[in-house]
Amino acid sequence: MRVQTNIALLSLFTMGFLMTGCSSQPKPLYNYGEYSESYYHSKKELSAESALELQKSIEYSIENAADSRSNRVAPGMYANLGYIYLKSGNSAKAIESFNKEKSIYPESAHFMDRMIKKIEATEEKTND
């Protein structure tokens, strides 16, 4: 009788342990949302619609960065968004995004500074 009780308790404990382990999924380090699919689609179909879809997916990922373990935007997201803004002719928003990337990820500062300088040089040439 005591053996049966021990087996029942062990089985109950094992089932409880397995159920708890399966039920809670850890948060991802970064929230990418639909970024991968949108990026693939934008490269596969080079259209304004796919570029807008990519922009929206990046903006969504930025807005929902708190849903990740790191509580911050994934590396390169602001840089990619800035590049999209730059391609669409919105250099002010591009510079703003490059500066945000630089502030969150200081290791990107050299590249972001070069991008900002190129934008400013291009604007100076067009203003002359």
C-alpha atoms as a PDB file:
ATOM      1  CA  MET A   1       0.000   0.000   0.000  1.00  0.00           C
ATOM      2  CA  ARG A   2       2.805   2.411   0.880  1.00  0.00           C
ATOM      3  CA  VAL A   3       4.573   1.649  -2.423  1.00  0.00           C
ATOM      4  CA  GLN A   4       1.413   2.448  -4.369  1.00  0.00           C
ATOM      5  CA  THR A   5       1.061   5.766  -2.522  1.00  0.00           C
ATOM      6  CA  ASN A   6       4.665   6.676  -3.268  1.00  0.00           C
ATOM      7  CA  ILE A   7       4.242   5.792  -6.956  1.00  0.00           C
ATOM      8  CA  ALA A   8       1.033   7.840  -7.143  1.00  0.00           C
ATOM      9  CA  LEU A   9       2.715  10.838  -5.516  1.00  0.00           C
ATOM     10  CA  LEU A  10       5.731  10.521  -7.777  1.00  0.00           C
ATOM     11  CA  SER A  11       3.485  10.308 -10.855  1.00  0.00           C
ATOM     12  CA  LEU A  12       1.476  13.319  -9.707  1.00  0.00           C
ATOM     13  CA  PHE A  13       4.650  15.319  -9.039  1.00  0.00           C
ATOM     14  CA  THR A  14       6.120  14.356 -12.442  1.00  0.00           C
ATOM     15  CA  MET A  15       2.929  15.322 -14.292  1.00  0.00           C
ATOM     16  CA  GLY A  16       2.773  18.643 -12.449  1.00  0.00           C
ATOM     17  CA  PHE A  17       6.400  19.338 -13.254  1.00  0.00           C
ATOM     18  CA  LEU A  18       5.924  18.534 -16.946  1.00  0.00           C
ATOM     19  CA  MET A  19       2.761  20.620 -17.199  1.00  0.00           C
ATOM     20  CA  THR A  20       4.481  23.660 -15.684  1.00  0.00           C
ATOM     21  CA  GLY A  21       7.509  23.310 -17.907  1.00  0.00           C
ATOM     22  CA  CYS A  22       5.410  23.212 -21.061  1.00  0.00           C
ATOM     23  CA  SER A  23       3.031  26.002 -20.186  1.00  0.00           C
ATOM     24  CA  SER A  24       5.409  28.917 -19.746  1.00  0.00           C
ATOM     25  CA  GLN A  25       7.392  29.958 -22.794  1.00  0.00           C
ATOM     26  CA  PRO A  26      10.194  32.444 -22.171  1.00  0.00           C
ATOM     27  CA  LYS A  27       9.979  35.800 -23.891  1.00  0.00           C
ATOM     28  CA  PRO A  28      12.259  36.224 -26.897  1.00  0.00           C
ATOM     29  CA  LEU A  29      15.305  38.428 -26.432  1.00  0.00           C
ATOM     30  CA  TYR A  30      13.993  40.895 -29.040  1.00  0.00           C
ATOM     31  CA  ASN A  31      10.550  41.372 -30.557  1.00  0.00           C
ATOM     32  CA  TYR A  32      10.805  41.170 -34.335  1.00  0.00           C
ATOM     33  CA  GLY A  33       7.086  40.802 -34.996  1.00  0.00           C
ATOM     34  CA  GLU A  34       6.540  40.191 -38.726  1.00  0.00           C
ATOM     35  CA  TYR A  35       9.891  41.706 -39.703  1.00  0.00           C
ATOM     36  CA  SER A  36      11.420  38.577 -41.264  1.00  0.00           C
ATOM     37  CA  GLU A  37       8.432  37.888 -43.483  1.00  0.00           C
ATOM     38  CA  SER A  38       8.112  41.538 -44.487  1.00  0.00           C
ATOM     39  CA  TYR A  39      11.818  41.821 -45.259  1.00  0.00           C
ATOM     40  CA  TYR A  40      11.740  38.695 -47.413  1.00  0.00           C
ATOM     41  CA  HIS A  41       8.634  39.932 -49.213  1.00  0.00           C
ATOM     42  CA  SER A  42      10.166  43.363 -49.843  1.00  0.00           C
ATOM     43  CA  LYS A  43      13.264  41.787 -51.405  1.00  0.00           C
ATOM     44  CA  LYS A  44      11.248  39.316 -53.432  1.00  0.00           C
ATOM     45  CA  GLU A  45       8.816  41.946 -54.737  1.00  0.00           C
ATOM     46  CA  LEU A  46      10.461  45.316 -55.168  1.00  0.00           C
ATOM     47  CA  SER A  47       7.350  47.463 -54.909  1.00  0.00           C
ATOM     48  CA  ALA A  48       6.181  50.470 -52.938  1.00  0.00           C
ATOM     49  CA  GLU A  49       3.591  48.276 -51.243  1.00  0.00           C
ATOM     50  CA  SER A  50       6.159  45.774 -49.962  1.00  0.00           C
ATOM     51  CA  ALA A  51       8.432  48.618 -48.793  1.00  0.00           C
ATOM     52  CA  LEU A  52       5.513  50.138 -46.864  1.00  0.00           C
ATOM     53  CA  GLU A  53       4.751  46.724 -45.361  1.00  0.00           C
ATOM     54  CA  LEU A  54       8.377  46.442 -44.228  1.00  0.00           C
ATOM     55  CA  GLN A  55       8.282  49.944 -42.749  1.00  0.00           C
ATOM     56  CA  LYS A  56       5.096  49.127 -40.824  1.00  0.00           C
ATOM     57  CA  SER A  57       6.533  45.865 -39.503  1.00  0.00           C
ATOM     58  CA  ILE A  58       9.657  47.665 -38.249  1.00  0.00           C
ATOM     59  CA  GLU A  59       7.557  50.387 -36.624  1.00  0.00           C
ATOM     60  CA  TYR A  60       5.412  47.687 -34.984  1.00  0.00           C
ATOM     61  CA  SER A  61       8.516  45.917 -33.661  1.00  0.00           C
ATOM     62  CA  ILE A  62       9.820  49.199 -32.257  1.00  0.00           C
ATOM     63  CA  GLU A  63       6.488  49.992 -30.585  1.00  0.00           C
ATOM     64  CA  ASN A  64       6.323  46.517 -29.018  1.00  0.00           C
ATOM     65  CA  ALA A  65       9.928  46.256 -27.878  1.00  0.00           C
ATOM     66  CA  ALA A  66       8.737  46.000 -24.272  1.00  0.00           C
ATOM     67  CA  ASP A  67       7.345  42.541 -25.091  1.00  0.00           C
ATOM     68  CA  SER A  68      10.868  41.143 -25.147  1.00  0.00           C
ATOM     69  CA  ARG A  69      13.282  40.101 -22.409  1.00  0.00           C
ATOM     70  CA  SER A  70      15.696  42.920 -23.270  1.00  0.00           C
ATOM     71  CA  ASN A  71      12.937  45.573 -23.234  1.00  0.00           C
ATOM     72  CA  ARG A  72      14.643  47.359 -26.102  1.00  0.00           C
ATOM     73  CA  VAL A  73      14.542  47.500 -29.862  1.00  0.00           C
ATOM     74  CA  ALA A  74      16.506  44.843 -31.732  1.00  0.00           C
ATOM     75  CA  PRO A  75      19.892  45.887 -33.166  1.00  0.00           C
ATOM     76  CA  GLY A  76      19.623  47.495 -36.590  1.00  0.00           C
ATOM     77  CA  MET A  77      15.893  48.204 -36.481  1.00  0.00           C
ATOM     78  CA  TYR A  78      16.253  51.971 -36.218  1.00  0.00           C
ATOM     79  CA  ALA A  79      19.040  51.900 -38.813  1.00  0.00           C
ATOM     80  CA  ASN A  80      16.869  49.923 -41.222  1.00  0.00           C
ATOM     81  CA  LEU A  81      13.920  52.242 -40.602  1.00  0.00           C
ATOM     82  CA  GLY A  82      16.182  55.242 -41.171  1.00  0.00           C
ATOM     83  CA  TYR A  83      17.323  53.772 -44.472  1.00  0.00           C
ATOM     84  CA  ILE A  84      13.714  53.297 -45.550  1.00  0.00           C
ATOM     85  CA  TYR A  85      12.990  56.927 -44.646  1.00  0.00           C
ATOM     86  CA  LEU A  86      16.072  58.008 -46.570  1.00  0.00           C
ATOM     87  CA  LYS A  87      15.002  56.091 -49.678  1.00  0.00           C
ATOM     88  CA  SER A  88      11.566  57.695 -49.498  1.00  0.00           C
ATOM     89  CA  GLY A  89      13.125  61.168 -49.334  1.00  0.00           C
ATOM     90  CA  ASN A  90      12.503  61.924 -45.670  1.00  0.00           C
ATOM     91  CA  SER A  91      16.040  62.739 -44.570  1.00  0.00           C
ATOM     92  CA  ALA A  92      14.987  64.387 -41.277  1.00  0.00           C
ATOM     93  CA  LYS A  93      13.318  61.191 -40.065  1.00  0.00           C
ATOM     94  CA  ALA A  94      16.257  59.170 -41.382  1.00  0.00           C
ATOM     95  CA  ILE A  95      18.716  61.188 -39.296  1.00  0.00           C
ATOM     96  CA  GLU A  96      16.423  60.896 -36.282  1.00  0.00           C
ATOM     97  CA  SER A  97      16.311  57.100 -36.660  1.00  0.00           C
ATOM     98  CA  PHE A  98      20.078  56.868 -37.155  1.00  0.00           C
ATOM     99  CA  ASN A  99      20.599  58.888 -33.967  1.00  0.00           C
ATOM    100  CA  LYS A 100      18.248  56.583 -32.040  1.00  0.00           C
ATOM    101  CA  GLU A 101      20.163  53.534 -33.299  1.00  0.00           C
ATOM    102  CA  LYS A 102      23.393  55.184 -32.210  1.00  0.00           C
ATOM    103  CA  SER A 103      22.068  55.999 -28.733  1.00  0.00           C
ATOM    104  CA  ILE A 104      20.770  52.467 -28.086  1.00  0.00           C
ATOM    105  CA  TYR A 105      23.717  50.655 -29.667  1.00  0.00           C
ATOM    106  CA  PRO A 106      26.883  52.776 -29.292  1.00  0.00           C
ATOM    107  CA  GLU A 107      28.875  50.255 -31.339  1.00  0.00           C
ATOM    108  CA  SER A 108      26.938  51.447 -34.395  1.00  0.00           C
ATOM    109  CA  ALA A 109      27.991  55.082 -33.865  1.00  0.00           C
ATOM    110  CA  HIS A 110      30.741  55.090 -36.484  1.00  0.00           C
ATOM    111  CA  PHE A 111      28.468  53.783 -39.231  1.00  0.00           C
ATOM    112  CA  MET A 112      25.500  55.939 -38.190  1.00  0.00           C
ATOM    113  CA  ASP A 113      27.698  59.053 -38.118  1.00  0.00           C
ATOM    114  CA  ARG A 114      28.903  58.308 -41.640  1.00  0.00           C
ATOM    115  CA  MET A 115      25.329  57.887 -42.860  1.00  0.00           C
ATOM    116  CA  ILE A 116      24.305  61.176 -41.241  1.00  0.00           C
ATOM    117  CA  LYS A 117      27.304  62.995 -42.763  1.00  0.00           C
ATOM    118  CA  LYS A 118      26.436  61.649 -46.225  1.00  0.00           C
ATOM    119  CA  ILE A 119      22.856  62.852 -45.863  1.00  0.00           C
ATOM    120  CA  GLU A 120      23.999  66.287 -44.727  1.00  0.00           C
ATOM    121  CA  ALA A 121      26.542  66.515 -47.577  1.00  0.00           C
ATOM    122  CA  THR A 122      23.877  65.560 -50.110  1.00  0.00           C
ATOM    123  CA  GLU A 123      21.497  68.167 -48.705  1.00  0.00           C
ATOM    124  CA  GLU A 124      24.204  70.841 -48.895  1.00  0.00           C
ATOM    125  CA  LYS A 125      24.841  70.041 -52.563  1.00  0.00           C
ATOM    126  CA  THR A 126      21.143  70.266 -53.402  1.00  0.00           C
ATOM    127  CA  ASN A 127      20.786  73.554 -51.521  1.00  0.00           C
ATOM    128  CA  ASP A 128      23.709  75.169 -53.384  1.00  0.00           C
END
